[in-house]
Amino acid sequence: PVERRARVDTVVRRIGDAIELGLLADGEQLPGESELAG
């Protein structure tokens, strides 16, 4: 779960950082919207 303030920016930074670092693989499918939001 992300922090309460600036949640859109926090989600963008969290997932973007993971992609840049290779924690999430190129071409990998993210969880569905409902699951990921939860």
PDB file of all heavy atoms in Angstrom:
ATOM      1  N   PRO A   1       0.824  -1.226   0.000  1.00  0.00           N
ATOM      2  CA  PRO A   1       0.000   0.000   0.000  1.00  0.00           C
ATOM      3  C   PRO A   1       0.846   1.258   0.000  1.00  0.00           C
ATOM      4  O   PRO A   1       1.882   1.330   0.668  1.00  0.00           O
ATOM      5  CB  PRO A   1      -0.806  -0.136   1.308  1.00  0.00           C
ATOM      6  CG  PRO A   1      -0.903  -1.604   1.533  1.00  0.00           C
ATOM      7  CD  PRO A   1       0.424  -2.160   1.064  1.00  0.00           C
ATOM      8  N   VAL A   2       0.409   2.259  -0.746  1.00  0.00           N
ATOM      9  CA  VAL A   2       1.152   3.511  -0.859  1.00  0.00           C
ATOM     10  C   VAL A   2       0.678   4.503   0.198  1.00  0.00           C
ATOM     11  O   VAL A   2      -0.354   4.320   0.833  1.00  0.00           O
ATOM     12  CB  VAL A   2       0.989   4.134  -2.268  1.00  0.00           C
ATOM     13  CG1 VAL A   2       1.491   3.196  -3.337  1.00  0.00           C
ATOM     14  CG2 VAL A   2      -0.472   4.509  -2.531  1.00  0.00           C
ATOM     15  N   GLU A   3       1.464   5.569   0.384  1.00  0.00           N
ATOM     16  CA  GLU A   3       1.121   6.592   1.346  1.00  0.00           C
ATOM     17  C   GLU A   3      -0.152   7.331   0.918  1.00  0.00           C
ATOM     18  O   GLU A   3      -0.526   7.313  -0.254  1.00  0.00           O
ATOM     19  CB  GLU A   3       2.287   7.590   1.476  1.00  0.00           C
ATOM     20  CG  GLU A   3       3.578   6.977   2.017  1.00  0.00           C
ATOM     21  CD  GLU A   3       4.377   6.256   0.950  1.00  0.00           C
ATOM     22  OE1 GLU A   3       3.938   6.247  -0.224  1.00  0.00           O
ATOM     23  OE2 GLU A   3       5.434   5.694   1.287  1.00  0.00           O
ATOM     24  N   ARG A   4      -0.768   8.005   1.872  1.00  0.00           N
ATOM     25  CA  ARG A   4      -2.060   8.630   1.586  1.00  0.00           C
ATOM     26  C   ARG A   4      -1.939   9.867   0.712  1.00  0.00           C
ATOM     27  O   ARG A   4      -2.827  10.159  -0.075  1.00  0.00           O
ATOM     28  CB  ARG A   4      -2.774   8.996   2.902  1.00  0.00           C
ATOM     29  CG  ARG A   4      -3.234   7.762   3.673  1.00  0.00           C
ATOM     30  CD  ARG A   4      -4.119   8.145   4.848  1.00  0.00           C
ATOM     31  NE  ARG A   4      -4.635   6.957   5.491  1.00  0.00           N
ATOM     32  CZ  ARG A   4      -5.701   6.276   5.098  1.00  0.00           C
ATOM     33  NH1 ARG A   4      -6.364   6.674   4.041  1.00  0.00           N
ATOM     34  NH2 ARG A   4      -6.113   5.204   5.736  1.00  0.00           N
ATOM     35  N   ARG A   5      -0.878  10.645   0.869  1.00  0.00           N
ATOM     36  CA  ARG A   5      -0.763  11.892   0.125  1.00  0.00           C
ATOM     37  C   ARG A   5      -0.141  11.666  -1.248  1.00  0.00           C
ATOM     38  O   ARG A   5       0.746  10.840  -1.399  1.00  0.00           O
ATOM     39  CB  ARG A   5       0.066  12.902   0.925  1.00  0.00           C
ATOM     40  CG  ARG A   5      -0.689  13.457   2.130  1.00  0.00           C
ATOM     41  CD  ARG A   5       0.165  14.420   2.918  1.00  0.00           C
ATOM     42  NE  ARG A   5       1.251  13.754   3.612  1.00  0.00           N
ATOM     43  CZ  ARG A   5       2.092  14.381   4.425  1.00  0.00           C
ATOM     44  NH1 ARG A   5       2.004  15.677   4.608  1.00  0.00           N
ATOM     45  NH2 ARG A   5       3.051  13.707   5.032  1.00  0.00           N
ATOM     46  N   ALA A   6      -0.601  12.437  -2.217  1.00  0.00           N
ATOM     47  CA  ALA A   6      -0.049  12.384  -3.579  1.00  0.00           C
ATOM     48  C   ALA A   6      -0.013  10.951  -4.093  1.00  0.00           C
ATOM     49  O   ALA A   6       1.002  10.468  -4.579  1.00  0.00           O
ATOM     50  CB  ALA A   6       1.342  13.002  -3.614  1.00  0.00           C
ATOM     51  N   ARG A   7      -1.151  10.261  -4.001  1.00  0.00           N
ATOM     52  CA  ARG A   7      -1.161   8.835  -4.309  1.00  0.00           C
ATOM     53  C   ARG A   7      -0.869   8.536  -5.769  1.00  0.00           C
ATOM     54  O   ARG A   7      -0.220   7.539  -6.065  1.00  0.00           O
ATOM     55  CB  ARG A   7      -2.502   8.226  -3.881  1.00  0.00           C
ATOM     56  CG  ARG A   7      -2.606   8.072  -2.377  1.00  0.00           C
ATOM     57  CD  ARG A   7      -3.790   7.226  -1.980  1.00  0.00           C
ATOM     58  NE  ARG A   7      -3.643   6.755  -0.615  1.00  0.00           N
ATOM     59  CZ  ARG A   7      -4.406   5.818  -0.081  1.00  0.00           C
ATOM     60  NH1 ARG A   7      -5.344   5.243  -0.796  1.00  0.00           N
ATOM     61  NH2 ARG A   7      -4.226   5.432   1.168  1.00  0.00           N
ATOM     62  N   VAL A   8      -1.378   9.345  -6.698  1.00  0.00           N
ATOM     63  CA  VAL A   8      -1.106   9.084  -8.112  1.00  0.00           C
ATOM     64  C   VAL A   8       0.398   9.150  -8.360  1.00  0.00           C
ATOM     65  O   VAL A   8       0.990   8.245  -8.957  1.00  0.00           O
ATOM     66  CB  VAL A   8      -1.855  10.084  -9.018  1.00  0.00           C
ATOM     67  CG1 VAL A   8      -1.397   9.921 -10.466  1.00  0.00           C
ATOM     68  CG2 VAL A   8      -3.354   9.869  -8.927  1.00  0.00           C
ATOM     69  N   ASP A   9       1.030  10.223  -7.882  1.00  0.00           N
ATOM     70  CA  ASP A   9       2.473  10.375  -8.068  1.00  0.00           C
ATOM     71  C   ASP A   9       3.238   9.243  -7.401  1.00  0.00           C
ATOM     72  O   ASP A   9       4.251   8.762  -7.934  1.00  0.00           O
ATOM     73  CB  ASP A   9       2.948  11.711  -7.500  1.00  0.00           C
ATOM     74  CG  ASP A   9       2.460  12.898  -8.317  1.00  0.00           C
ATOM     75  OD1 ASP A   9       2.052  12.680  -9.472  1.00  0.00           O
ATOM     76  OD2 ASP A   9       2.492  14.024  -7.805  1.00  0.00           O
ATOM     77  N   THR A  10       2.765   8.807  -6.239  1.00  0.00           N
ATOM     78  CA  THR A  10       3.449   7.735  -5.516  1.00  0.00           C
ATOM     79  C   THR A  10       3.366   6.424  -6.280  1.00  0.00           C
ATOM     80  O   THR A  10       4.349   5.681  -6.375  1.00  0.00           O
ATOM     81  CB  THR A  10       2.848   7.559  -4.107  1.00  0.00           C
ATOM     82  OG1 THR A  10       2.954   8.796  -3.399  1.00  0.00           O
ATOM     83  CG2 THR A  10       3.602   6.495  -3.326  1.00  0.00           C
ATOM     84  N   VAL A  11       2.199   6.121  -6.842  1.00  0.00           N
ATOM     85  CA  VAL A  11       2.037   4.893  -7.621  1.00  0.00           C
ATOM     86  C   VAL A  11       2.921   4.943  -8.863  1.00  0.00           C
ATOM     87  O   VAL A  11       3.601   3.963  -9.200  1.00  0.00           O
ATOM     88  CB  VAL A  11       0.561   4.683  -8.014  1.00  0.00           C
ATOM     89  CG1 VAL A  11       0.420   3.517  -8.996  1.00  0.00           C
ATOM     90  CG2 VAL A  11      -0.285   4.403  -6.772  1.00  0.00           C
ATOM     91  N   VAL A  12       2.926   6.079  -9.540  1.00  0.00           N
ATOM     92  CA  VAL A  12       3.758   6.235 -10.744  1.00  0.00           C
ATOM     93  C   VAL A  12       5.223   6.021 -10.400  1.00  0.00           C
ATOM     94  O   VAL A  12       5.944   5.285 -11.089  1.00  0.00           O
ATOM     95  CB  VAL A  12       3.555   7.634 -11.374  1.00  0.00           C
ATOM     96  CG1 VAL A  12       4.570   7.885 -12.482  1.00  0.00           C
ATOM     97  CG2 VAL A  12       2.142   7.753 -11.925  1.00  0.00           C
ATOM     98  N   ARG A  13       5.676   6.657  -9.325  1.00  0.00           N
ATOM     99  CA  ARG A  13       7.081   6.527  -8.944  1.00  0.00           C
ATOM    100  C   ARG A  13       7.404   5.096  -8.512  1.00  0.00           C
ATOM    101  O   ARG A  13       8.441   4.540  -8.897  1.00  0.00           O
ATOM    102  CB  ARG A  13       7.399   7.492  -7.803  1.00  0.00           C
ATOM    103  CG  ARG A  13       8.877   7.525  -7.429  1.00  0.00           C
ATOM    104  CD  ARG A  13       9.178   8.660  -6.465  1.00  0.00           C
ATOM    105  NE  ARG A  13       8.465   8.529  -5.203  1.00  0.00           N
ATOM    106  CZ  ARG A  13       7.449   9.288  -4.832  1.00  0.00           C
ATOM    107  NH1 ARG A  13       7.014  10.258  -5.630  1.00  0.00           N
ATOM    108  NH2 ARG A  13       6.857   9.109  -3.673  1.00  0.00           N
ATOM    109  N   ARG A  14       6.519   4.473  -7.739  1.00  0.00           N
ATOM    110  CA  ARG A  14       6.772   3.117  -7.244  1.00  0.00           C
ATOM    111  C   ARG A  14       6.909   2.124  -8.391  1.00  0.00           C
ATOM    112  O   ARG A  14       7.870   1.346  -8.451  1.00  0.00           O
ATOM    113  CB  ARG A  14       5.613   2.713  -6.330  1.00  0.00           C
ATOM    114  CG  ARG A  14       5.654   1.274  -5.803  1.00  0.00           C
ATOM    115  CD  ARG A  14       6.496   1.127  -4.575  1.00  0.00           C
ATOM    116  NE  ARG A  14       5.978   1.879  -3.457  1.00  0.00           N
ATOM    117  CZ  ARG A  14       4.939   1.477  -2.686  1.00  0.00           C
ATOM    118  NH1 ARG A  14       4.336   0.335  -2.946  1.00  0.00           N
ATOM    119  NH2 ARG A  14       4.546   2.196  -1.664  1.00  0.00           N
ATOM    120  N   ILE A  15       5.938   2.133  -9.303  1.00  0.00           N
ATOM    121  CA  ILE A  15       5.976   1.165 -10.409  1.00  0.00           C
ATOM    122  C   ILE A  15       7.064   1.540 -11.408  1.00  0.00           C
ATOM    123  O   ILE A  15       7.782   0.676 -11.921  1.00  0.00           O
ATOM    124  CB  ILE A  15       4.597   1.075 -11.081  1.00  0.00           C
ATOM    125  CG1 ILE A  15       3.570   0.517 -10.084  1.00  0.00           C
ATOM    126  CG2 ILE A  15       4.661   0.184 -12.324  1.00  0.00           C
ATOM    127  CD1 ILE A  15       2.154   0.436 -10.619  1.00  0.00           C
ATOM    128  N   GLY A  16       7.208   2.848 -11.675  1.00  0.00           N
ATOM    129  CA  GLY A  16       8.245   3.282 -12.606  1.00  0.00           C
ATOM    130  C   GLY A  16       9.638   2.919 -12.117  1.00  0.00           C
ATOM    131  O   GLY A  16      10.476   2.442 -12.903  1.00  0.00           O
ATOM    132  N   ASP A  17       9.893   3.123 -10.828  1.00  0.00           N
ATOM    133  CA  ASP A  17      11.200   2.763 -10.271  1.00  0.00           C
ATOM    134  C   ASP A  17      11.451   1.262 -10.404  1.00  0.00           C
ATOM    135  O   ASP A  17      12.565   0.831 -10.723  1.00  0.00           O
ATOM    136  CB  ASP A  17      11.281   3.155  -8.793  1.00  0.00           C
ATOM    137  CG  ASP A  17      11.422   4.659  -8.589  1.00  0.00           C
ATOM    138  OD1 ASP A  17      11.601   5.383  -9.591  1.00  0.00           O
ATOM    139  OD2 ASP A  17      11.357   5.106  -7.430  1.00  0.00           O
ATOM    140  N   ALA A  18      10.428   0.444 -10.143  1.00  0.00           N
ATOM    141  CA  ALA A  18      10.576  -1.013 -10.219  1.00  0.00           C
ATOM    142  C   ALA A  18      10.880  -1.451 -11.654  1.00  0.00           C
ATOM    143  O   ALA A  18      11.658  -2.383 -11.873  1.00  0.00           O
ATOM    144  CB  ALA A  18       9.304  -1.689  -9.714  1.00  0.00           C
ATOM    145  N   ILE A  19      10.288  -0.771 -12.626  1.00  0.00           N
ATOM    146  CA  ILE A  19      10.550  -1.105 -14.034  1.00  0.00           C
ATOM    147  C   ILE A  19      11.982  -0.724 -14.401  1.00  0.00           C
ATOM    148  O   ILE A  19      12.717  -1.503 -15.021  1.00  0.00           O
ATOM    149  CB  ILE A  19       9.541  -0.400 -14.955  1.00  0.00           C
ATOM    150  CG1 ILE A  19       8.131  -0.983 -14.734  1.00  0.00           C
ATOM    151  CG2 ILE A  19       9.951  -0.545 -16.420  1.00  0.00           C
ATOM    152  CD1 ILE A  19       7.026  -0.194 -15.421  1.00  0.00           C
ATOM    153  N   GLU A  20      12.394   0.483 -14.024  1.00  0.00           N
ATOM    154  CA  GLU A  20      13.749   0.947 -14.336  1.00  0.00           C
ATOM    155  C   GLU A  20      14.798   0.020 -13.731  1.00  0.00           C
ATOM    156  O   GLU A  20      15.841  -0.247 -14.339  1.00  0.00           O
ATOM    157  CB  GLU A  20      13.949   2.370 -13.800  1.00  0.00           C
ATOM    158  CG  GLU A  20      13.067   3.428 -14.446  1.00  0.00           C
ATOM    159  CD  GLU A  20      13.674   4.004 -15.708  1.00  0.00           C
ATOM    160  OE1 GLU A  20      14.720   3.476 -16.154  1.00  0.00           O
ATOM    161  OE2 GLU A  20      13.110   4.972 -16.233  1.00  0.00           O
ATOM    162  N   LEU A  21      14.506  -0.494 -12.533  1.00  0.00           N
ATOM    163  CA  LEU A  21      15.469  -1.324 -11.817  1.00  0.00           C
ATOM    164  C   LEU A  21      15.465  -2.773 -12.278  1.00  0.00           C
ATOM    165  O   LEU A  21      16.403  -3.515 -12.018  1.00  0.00           O
ATOM    166  CB  LEU A  21      15.162  -1.255 -10.315  1.00  0.00           C
ATOM    167  CG  LEU A  21      16.172  -1.823  -9.332  1.00  0.00           C
ATOM    168  CD1 LEU A  21      17.542  -1.191  -9.533  1.00  0.00           C
ATOM    169  CD2 LEU A  21      15.702  -1.599  -7.904  1.00  0.00           C
ATOM    170  N   GLY A  22      14.411  -3.168 -12.996  1.00  0.00           N
ATOM    171  CA  GLY A  22      14.326  -4.541 -13.456  1.00  0.00           C
ATOM    172  C   GLY A  22      13.623  -5.470 -12.496  1.00  0.00           C
ATOM    173  O   GLY A  22      13.614  -6.688 -12.693  1.00  0.00           O
ATOM    174  N   LEU A  23      13.006  -4.923 -11.425  1.00  0.00           N
ATOM    175  CA  LEU A  23      12.214  -5.766 -10.532  1.00  0.00           C
ATOM    176  C   LEU A  23      10.974  -6.277 -11.248  1.00  0.00           C
ATOM    177  O   LEU A  23      10.454  -7.349 -10.921  1.00  0.00           O
ATOM    178  CB  LEU A  23      11.808  -4.979  -9.279  1.00  0.00           C
ATOM    179  CG  LEU A  23      12.940  -4.655  -8.297  1.00  0.00           C
ATOM    180  CD1 LEU A  23      12.436  -3.733  -7.207  1.00  0.00           C
ATOM    181  CD2 LEU A  23      13.519  -5.929  -7.713  1.00  0.00           C
ATOM    182  N   LEU A  24      10.477  -5.500 -12.188  1.00  0.00           N
ATOM    183  CA  LEU A  24       9.385  -5.927 -13.061  1.00  0.00           C
ATOM    184  C   LEU A  24       9.988  -6.108 -14.452  1.00  0.00           C
ATOM    185  O   LEU A  24      10.599  -5.194 -14.994  1.00  0.00           O
ATOM    186  CB  LEU A  24       8.260  -4.891 -13.078  1.00  0.00           C
ATOM    187  CG  LEU A  24       7.602  -4.614 -11.718  1.00  0.00           C
ATOM    188  CD1 LEU A  24       6.558  -3.512 -11.843  1.00  0.00           C
ATOM    189  CD2 LEU A  24       6.973  -5.875 -11.144  1.00  0.00           C
ATOM    190  N   ALA A  25       9.801  -7.280 -15.015  1.00  0.00           N
ATOM    191  CA  ALA A  25      10.492  -7.640 -16.254  1.00  0.00           C
ATOM    192  C   ALA A  25       9.846  -7.005 -17.477  1.00  0.00           C
ATOM    193  O   ALA A  25       8.631  -6.763 -17.507  1.00  0.00           O
ATOM    194  CB  ALA A  25      10.508  -9.161 -16.417  1.00  0.00           C
ATOM    195  N   ASP A  26      10.653  -6.745 -18.481  1.00  0.00           N
ATOM    196  CA  ASP A  26      10.157  -6.211 -19.744  1.00  0.00           C
ATOM    197  C   ASP A  26       9.120  -7.173 -20.329  1.00  0.00           C
ATOM    198  O   ASP A  26       9.370  -8.377 -20.451  1.00  0.00           O
ATOM    199  CB  ASP A  26      11.326  -6.051 -20.714  1.00  0.00           C
ATOM    200  CG  ASP A  26      10.942  -5.269 -21.956  1.00  0.00           C
ATOM    201  OD1 ASP A  26      10.058  -4.404 -21.871  1.00  0.00           O
ATOM    202  OD2 ASP A  26      11.539  -5.527 -23.018  1.00  0.00           O
ATOM    203  N   GLY A  27       7.935  -6.659 -20.670  1.00  0.00           N
ATOM    204  CA  GLY A  27       6.869  -7.491 -21.222  1.00  0.00           C
ATOM    205  C   GLY A  27       5.988  -8.156 -20.188  1.00  0.00           C
ATOM    206  O   GLY A  27       4.976  -8.775 -20.540  1.00  0.00           O
ATOM    207  N   GLU A  28       6.342  -8.042 -18.913  1.00  0.00           N
ATOM    208  CA  GLU A  28       5.543  -8.672 -17.856  1.00  0.00           C
ATOM    209  C   GLU A  28       4.174  -8.006 -17.742  1.00  0.00           C
ATOM    210  O   GLU A  28       4.060  -6.781 -17.818  1.00  0.00           O
ATOM    211  CB  GLU A  28       6.281  -8.554 -16.524  1.00  0.00           C
ATOM    212  CG  GLU A  28       5.520  -9.106 -15.333  1.00  0.00           C
ATOM    213  CD  GLU A  28       6.310  -9.010 -14.037  1.00  0.00           C
ATOM    214  OE1 GLU A  28       7.546  -8.798 -14.100  1.00  0.00           O
ATOM    215  OE2 GLU A  28       5.698  -9.146 -12.960  1.00  0.00           O
ATOM    216  N   GLN A  29       3.146  -8.806 -17.548  1.00  0.00           N
ATOM    217  CA  GLN A  29       1.805  -8.262 -17.385  1.00  0.00           C
ATOM    218  C   GLN A  29       1.575  -7.882 -15.927  1.00  0.00           C
ATOM    219  O   GLN A  29       1.829  -8.675 -15.016  1.00  0.00           O
ATOM    220  CB  GLN A  29       0.737  -9.267 -17.821  1.00  0.00           C
ATOM    221  CG  GLN A  29      -0.681  -8.692 -17.747  1.00  0.00           C
ATOM    222  CD  GLN A  29      -1.721  -9.616 -18.358  1.00  0.00           C
ATOM    223  OE1 GLN A  29      -1.419 -10.755 -18.716  1.00  0.00           O
ATOM    224  NE2 GLN A  29      -2.941  -9.133 -18.486  1.00  0.00           N
ATOM    225  N   LEU A  30       1.114  -6.657 -15.715  1.00  0.00           N
ATOM    226  CA  LEU A  30       0.777  -6.214 -14.367  1.00  0.00           C
ATOM    227  C   LEU A  30      -0.531  -6.870 -13.926  1.00  0.00           C
ATOM    228  O   LEU A  30      -1.337  -7.278 -14.766  1.00  0.00           O
ATOM    229  CB  LEU A  30       0.634  -4.698 -14.326  1.00  0.00           C
ATOM    230  CG  LEU A  30       1.895  -3.877 -14.634  1.00  0.00           C
ATOM    231  CD1 LEU A  30       1.557  -2.391 -14.667  1.00  0.00           C
ATOM    232  CD2 LEU A  30       2.985  -4.154 -13.611  1.00  0.00           C
ATOM    233  N   PRO A  31      -0.759  -6.979 -12.621  1.00  0.00           N
ATOM    234  CA  PRO A  31      -2.054  -7.488 -12.162  1.00  0.00           C
ATOM    235  C   PRO A  31      -3.207  -6.648 -12.721  1.00  0.00           C
ATOM    236  O   PRO A  31      -3.013  -5.483 -13.091  1.00  0.00           O
ATOM    237  CB  PRO A  31      -1.959  -7.345 -10.634  1.00  0.00           C
ATOM    238  CG  PRO A  31      -0.490  -7.364 -10.338  1.00  0.00           C
ATOM    239  CD  PRO A  31       0.150  -6.668 -11.501  1.00  0.00           C
ATOM    240  N   GLY A  32      -4.396  -7.240 -12.800  1.00  0.00           N
ATOM    241  CA  GLY A  32      -5.563  -6.508 -13.280  1.00  0.00           C
ATOM    242  C   GLY A  32      -5.834  -5.275 -12.431  1.00  0.00           C
ATOM    243  O   GLY A  32      -5.378  -5.179 -11.285  1.00  0.00           O
ATOM    244  N   GLU A  33      -6.579  -4.331 -12.993  1.00  0.00           N
ATOM    245  CA  GLU A  33      -6.780  -3.043 -12.322  1.00  0.00           C
ATOM    246  C   GLU A  33      -7.359  -3.197 -10.924  1.00  0.00           C
ATOM    247  O   GLU A  33      -6.882  -2.566  -9.976  1.00  0.00           O
ATOM    248  CB  GLU A  33      -7.692  -2.154 -13.172  1.00  0.00           C
ATOM    249  CG  GLU A  33      -6.997  -1.575 -14.395  1.00  0.00           C
ATOM    250  CD  GLU A  33      -7.866  -0.568 -15.124  1.00  0.00           C
ATOM    251  OE1 GLU A  33      -9.039  -0.364 -14.695  1.00  0.00           O
ATOM    252  OE2 GLU A  33      -7.402   0.022 -16.111  1.00  0.00           O
ATOM    253  N   SER A  34      -8.392  -4.027 -10.761  1.00  0.00           N
ATOM    254  CA  SER A  34      -9.021  -4.173  -9.443  1.00  0.00           C
ATOM    255  C   SER A  34      -8.045  -4.775  -8.442  1.00  0.00           C
ATOM    256  O   SER A  34      -7.918  -4.302  -7.308  1.00  0.00           O
ATOM    257  CB  SER A  34     -10.273  -5.054  -9.542  1.00  0.00           C
ATOM    258  OG  SER A  34     -11.244  -4.433 -10.357  1.00  0.00           O
ATOM    259  N   GLU A  35      -7.335  -5.817  -8.869  1.00  0.00           N
ATOM    260  CA  GLU A  35      -6.374  -6.464  -7.966  1.00  0.00           C
ATOM    261  C   GLU A  35      -5.238  -5.512  -7.614  1.00  0.00           C
ATOM    262  O   GLU A  35      -4.849  -5.397  -6.442  1.00  0.00           O
ATOM    263  CB  GLU A  35      -5.807  -7.724  -8.611  1.00  0.00           C
ATOM    264  CG  GLU A  35      -4.774  -8.425  -7.727  1.00  0.00           C
ATOM    265  CD  GLU A  35      -4.074  -9.578  -8.418  1.00  0.00           C
ATOM    266  OE1 GLU A  35      -4.499  -9.963  -9.532  1.00  0.00           O
ATOM    267  OE2 GLU A  35      -3.087 -10.081  -7.846  1.00  0.00           O
ATOM    268  N   LEU A  36      -4.690  -4.827  -8.629  1.00  0.00           N
ATOM    269  CA  LEU A  36      -3.556  -3.942  -8.389  1.00  0.00           C
ATOM    270  C   LEU A  36      -3.954  -2.771  -7.506  1.00  0.00           C
ATOM    271  O   LEU A  36      -3.214  -2.392  -6.588  1.00  0.00           O
ATOM    272  CB  LEU A  36      -2.994  -3.448  -9.730  1.00  0.00           C
ATOM    273  CG  LEU A  36      -1.728  -2.591  -9.679  1.00  0.00           C
ATOM    274  CD1 LEU A  36      -0.632  -3.276  -8.874  1.00  0.00           C
ATOM    275  CD2 LEU A  36      -1.242  -2.290 -11.090  1.00  0.00           C
ATOM    276  N   ALA A  37      -5.128  -2.195  -7.749  1.00  0.00           N
ATOM    277  CA  ALA A  37      -5.604  -1.098  -6.905  1.00  0.00           C
ATOM    278  C   ALA A  37      -5.758  -1.560  -5.461  1.00  0.00           C
ATOM    279  O   ALA A  37      -5.376  -0.850  -4.517  1.00  0.00           O
ATOM    280  CB  ALA A  37      -6.934  -0.565  -7.439  1.00  0.00           C
ATOM    281  N   GLY A  38      -6.296  -2.771  -5.280  1.00  0.00           N
ATOM    282  CA  GLY A  38      -6.469  -3.302  -3.929  1.00  0.00           C
ATOM    283  C   GLY A  38      -5.141  -3.517  -3.227  1.00  0.00           C
ATOM    284  O   GLY A  38      -4.982  -3.205  -2.041  1.00  0.00           O
TER     285      GLY A  38
END
